[in-house]
Amino acid sequence: MHLSVRVGKPGRGRGGSADPRYNARMLSLVISTIAFFVAAYFIKRYLDEIGVPKTAVRGLVVFVLALAVAYGVAFTVDWAMGLAG
């Protein structure tokens, strides 16, 4: 039996675009991506203000801190949508 017959029509039940788990995961992905770029912008701006020279270490610091913010936002969205835990 073909997989589409077993799963059902798209948008209903498992795996369709109307699946709340799918929608929550996509919302988490979109919001955390936006949070990553916003956090990177403000972290770079802050490091410019305090006079940290532009080096590879600074770029790595910006990446790691922005990534931590994005993970935190994604976890918060997942928790709010009831997927975490």
N, C-alpha and C. Protein backbone atom coordinates (compact mmCIF):
# COMPACT_ATOMS: atom_id res chain seq x y z
N MET A 1 0.85 -1.17 0.00
CA MET A 1 0.00 0.00 0.00
C MET A 1 0.89 1.23 0.00
N HIS A 2 0.53 2.21 -0.79
CA HIS A 2 1.32 3.43 -0.92
C HIS A 2 1.23 4.24 0.37
N LEU A 3 2.31 4.96 0.66
CA LEU A 3 2.39 5.74 1.89
C LEU A 3 1.28 6.80 1.98
N SER A 4 0.95 7.44 0.86
CA SER A 4 -0.07 8.49 0.90
C SER A 4 -1.45 7.93 1.26
N VAL A 5 -1.68 6.66 0.94
CA VAL A 5 -2.96 6.05 1.28
C VAL A 5 -3.03 5.77 2.78
N ARG A 6 -1.90 5.32 3.34
CA ARG A 6 -1.88 5.01 4.77
C ARG A 6 -1.93 6.27 5.62
N VAL A 7 -1.26 7.33 5.19
CA VAL A 7 -1.19 8.55 5.99
C VAL A 7 -2.48 9.35 5.88
N GLY A 8 -3.08 9.38 4.73
CA GLY A 8 -4.29 10.15 4.53
C GLY A 8 -4.00 11.37 3.69
N LYS A 9 -5.02 12.17 3.50
CA LYS A 9 -4.87 13.36 2.67
C LYS A 9 -4.04 14.41 3.39
N PRO A 10 -3.27 15.20 2.63
CA PRO A 10 -2.50 16.28 3.26
C PRO A 10 -3.42 17.27 3.94
N GLY A 11 -2.98 17.76 5.09
CA GLY A 11 -3.77 18.74 5.81
C GLY A 11 -4.66 18.11 6.87
N ARG A 12 -4.71 16.80 6.90
CA ARG A 12 -5.55 16.12 7.90
C ARG A 12 -4.71 15.07 8.61
N GLY A 13 -4.79 15.08 9.91
CA GLY A 13 -4.13 14.03 10.68
C GLY A 13 -2.63 14.17 10.68
N ARG A 14 -1.95 13.06 10.49
CA ARG A 14 -0.50 13.01 10.63
C ARG A 14 0.20 13.64 9.43
N GLY A 15 1.14 14.52 9.72
CA GLY A 15 2.05 15.00 8.71
C GLY A 15 1.55 16.06 7.76
N GLY A 16 0.29 16.40 7.79
CA GLY A 16 -0.22 17.41 6.88
C GLY A 16 0.14 18.81 7.34
N SER A 17 -0.09 19.78 6.48
CA SER A 17 0.29 21.15 6.83
C SER A 17 -0.60 21.72 7.94
N ALA A 18 -1.74 21.11 8.21
CA ALA A 18 -2.61 21.60 9.28
C ALA A 18 -2.31 20.92 10.61
N ASP A 19 -1.30 20.07 10.64
CA ASP A 19 -0.90 19.39 11.86
C ASP A 19 -0.34 20.43 12.84
N PRO A 20 -0.88 20.54 14.05
CA PRO A 20 -0.41 21.57 15.00
C PRO A 20 1.06 21.42 15.35
N ARG A 21 1.57 20.20 15.39
CA ARG A 21 2.99 20.01 15.70
C ARG A 21 3.86 20.59 14.59
N TYR A 22 3.45 20.38 13.34
CA TYR A 22 4.19 20.92 12.21
C TYR A 22 4.17 22.44 12.23
N ASN A 23 3.00 23.00 12.47
CA ASN A 23 2.87 24.46 12.51
C ASN A 23 3.71 25.06 13.63
N ALA A 24 3.73 24.41 14.79
CA ALA A 24 4.52 24.91 15.91
C ALA A 24 6.00 24.84 15.61
N ARG A 25 6.44 23.78 14.97
CA ARG A 25 7.86 23.65 14.63
C ARG A 25 8.28 24.70 13.60
N MET A 26 7.41 24.95 12.63
CA MET A 26 7.73 25.96 11.63
C MET A 26 7.74 27.36 12.25
N LEU A 27 6.81 27.62 13.15
CA LEU A 27 6.79 28.90 13.85
C LEU A 27 8.07 29.07 14.66
N SER A 28 8.48 28.02 15.34
CA SER A 28 9.71 28.05 16.12
C SER A 28 10.92 28.33 15.23
N LEU A 29 10.98 27.68 14.08
CA LEU A 29 12.10 27.87 13.16
C LEU A 29 12.15 29.31 12.64
N VAL A 30 11.01 29.83 12.24
CA VAL A 30 10.97 31.19 11.68
C VAL A 30 11.32 32.23 12.75
N ILE A 31 10.74 32.12 13.91
CA ILE A 31 10.99 33.11 14.96
C ILE A 31 12.42 33.03 15.46
N SER A 32 12.97 31.82 15.61
CA SER A 32 14.35 31.71 16.08
C SER A 32 15.34 32.21 15.03
N THR A 33 15.03 32.06 13.74
CA THR A 33 15.90 32.59 12.70
C THR A 33 15.91 34.12 12.74
N ILE A 34 14.74 34.71 12.91
CA ILE A 34 14.67 36.17 13.04
C ILE A 34 15.43 36.63 14.28
N ALA A 35 15.27 35.90 15.38
CA ALA A 35 15.95 36.26 16.63
C ALA A 35 17.47 36.17 16.47
N PHE A 36 17.95 35.20 15.69
CA PHE A 36 19.39 35.06 15.47
C PHE A 36 19.95 36.31 14.81
N PHE A 37 19.32 36.76 13.74
CA PHE A 37 19.85 37.91 13.02
C PHE A 37 19.70 39.21 13.81
N VAL A 38 18.62 39.35 14.55
CA VAL A 38 18.45 40.53 15.39
C VAL A 38 19.50 40.55 16.50
N ALA A 39 19.71 39.40 17.14
CA ALA A 39 20.71 39.32 18.21
C ALA A 39 22.11 39.58 17.66
N ALA A 40 22.44 39.02 16.51
CA ALA A 40 23.76 39.24 15.92
C ALA A 40 23.98 40.72 15.63
N TYR A 41 22.95 41.39 15.12
CA TYR A 41 23.06 42.83 14.84
C TYR A 41 23.36 43.62 16.11
N PHE A 42 22.58 43.37 17.17
CA PHE A 42 22.77 44.14 18.39
C PHE A 42 24.06 43.78 19.11
N ILE A 43 24.49 42.53 19.04
CA ILE A 43 25.76 42.14 19.66
C ILE A 43 26.92 42.81 18.93
N LYS A 44 26.88 42.81 17.59
CA LYS A 44 27.93 43.49 16.81
C LYS A 44 27.96 44.98 17.14
N ARG A 45 26.79 45.59 17.23
CA ARG A 45 26.72 47.01 17.53
C ARG A 45 27.29 47.31 18.92
N TYR A 46 26.98 46.45 19.88
CA TYR A 46 27.50 46.63 21.23
C TYR A 46 29.02 46.49 21.26
N LEU A 47 29.54 45.48 20.56
CA LEU A 47 30.98 45.29 20.54
C LEU A 47 31.69 46.43 19.82
N ASP A 48 31.06 47.02 18.83
CA ASP A 48 31.62 48.21 18.18
C ASP A 48 31.68 49.38 19.15
N GLU A 49 30.62 49.56 19.94
CA GLU A 49 30.57 50.68 20.89
C GLU A 49 31.65 50.59 21.95
N ILE A 50 31.96 49.38 22.42
CA ILE A 50 32.97 49.26 23.47
C ILE A 50 34.37 49.11 22.89
N GLY A 51 34.49 49.10 21.57
CA GLY A 51 35.81 49.15 20.95
C GLY A 51 36.53 47.83 20.78
N VAL A 52 35.82 46.74 20.70
CA VAL A 52 36.44 45.44 20.48
C VAL A 52 36.85 45.35 19.01
N PRO A 53 38.13 45.02 18.73
CA PRO A 53 38.57 44.96 17.33
C PRO A 53 37.90 43.82 16.57
N LYS A 54 37.73 44.03 15.26
CA LYS A 54 37.08 43.03 14.41
C LYS A 54 38.07 41.94 14.05
N THR A 55 37.95 40.82 14.76
CA THR A 55 38.82 39.66 14.53
C THR A 55 37.95 38.43 14.37
N ALA A 56 38.61 37.30 14.11
CA ALA A 56 37.88 36.04 13.98
C ALA A 56 37.26 35.64 15.31
N VAL A 57 37.95 35.94 16.40
CA VAL A 57 37.41 35.60 17.72
C VAL A 57 36.14 36.39 17.98
N ARG A 58 36.13 37.65 17.60
CA ARG A 58 34.93 38.46 17.77
C ARG A 58 33.78 37.90 16.94
N GLY A 59 34.05 37.50 15.72
CA GLY A 59 33.02 36.89 14.89
C GLY A 59 32.47 35.62 15.50
N LEU A 60 33.35 34.83 16.09
CA LEU A 60 32.93 33.60 16.75
C LEU A 60 32.08 33.91 17.98
N VAL A 61 32.47 34.92 18.72
CA VAL A 61 31.70 35.33 19.91
C VAL A 61 30.30 35.79 19.49
N VAL A 62 30.22 36.58 18.44
CA VAL A 62 28.92 37.04 17.96
C VAL A 62 28.07 35.85 17.54
N PHE A 63 28.66 34.92 16.80
CA PHE A 63 27.93 33.74 16.34
C PHE A 63 27.41 32.91 17.50
N VAL A 64 28.26 32.64 18.47
CA VAL A 64 27.87 31.78 19.60
C VAL A 64 26.79 32.45 20.45
N LEU A 65 26.92 33.74 20.71
CA LEU A 65 25.91 34.42 21.51
C LEU A 65 24.58 34.53 20.77
N ALA A 66 24.64 34.82 19.48
CA ALA A 66 23.40 34.89 18.71
C ALA A 66 22.74 33.51 18.60
N LEU A 67 23.57 32.47 18.48
CA LEU A 67 23.04 31.11 18.45
C LEU A 67 22.37 30.75 19.77
N ALA A 68 22.96 31.16 20.87
CA ALA A 68 22.37 30.89 22.19
C ALA A 68 21.02 31.60 22.32
N VAL A 69 20.93 32.82 21.82
CA VAL A 69 19.66 33.55 21.85
C VAL A 69 18.63 32.83 21.00
N ALA A 70 19.03 32.38 19.81
CA ALA A 70 18.10 31.69 18.91
C ALA A 70 17.60 30.38 19.54
N TYR A 71 18.50 29.63 20.17
CA TYR A 71 18.08 28.40 20.85
C TYR A 71 17.10 28.72 21.97
N GLY A 72 17.38 29.77 22.74
CA GLY A 72 16.47 30.15 23.82
C GLY A 72 15.10 30.55 23.31
N VAL A 73 15.07 31.29 22.22
CA VAL A 73 13.79 31.69 21.63
C VAL A 73 13.05 30.47 21.11
N ALA A 74 13.75 29.57 20.43
CA ALA A 74 13.12 28.36 19.91
C ALA A 74 12.55 27.51 21.04
N PHE A 75 13.30 27.37 22.13
CA PHE A 75 12.80 26.60 23.27
C PHE A 75 11.56 27.26 23.86
N THR A 76 11.59 28.59 23.96
CA THR A 76 10.44 29.32 24.52
C THR A 76 9.20 29.14 23.65
N VAL A 77 9.38 29.21 22.33
CA VAL A 77 8.24 29.02 21.44
C VAL A 77 7.71 27.59 21.55
N ASP A 78 8.63 26.60 21.57
CA ASP A 78 8.21 25.21 21.73
C ASP A 78 7.47 25.01 23.04
N TRP A 79 7.98 25.61 24.09
CA TRP A 79 7.34 25.47 25.41
C TRP A 79 5.94 26.11 25.39
N ALA A 80 5.86 27.29 24.77
CA ALA A 80 4.57 27.99 24.72
C ALA A 80 3.54 27.21 23.88
N MET A 81 4.01 26.52 22.86
CA MET A 81 3.11 25.73 22.01
C MET A 81 2.86 24.33 22.58
N GLY A 82 3.52 24.01 23.67
CA GLY A 82 3.28 22.72 24.33
C GLY A 82 4.06 21.56 23.77
N LEU A 83 5.17 21.83 23.06
CA LEU A 83 5.94 20.73 22.48
C LEU A 83 7.12 20.31 23.35
N ALA A 84 7.63 21.19 24.16
CA ALA A 84 8.80 20.86 24.97
C ALA A 84 8.37 20.02 26.17
N GLY A 85 9.11 18.96 26.39
CA GLY A 85 8.85 18.16 27.57
C GLY A 85 7.78 17.23 27.43
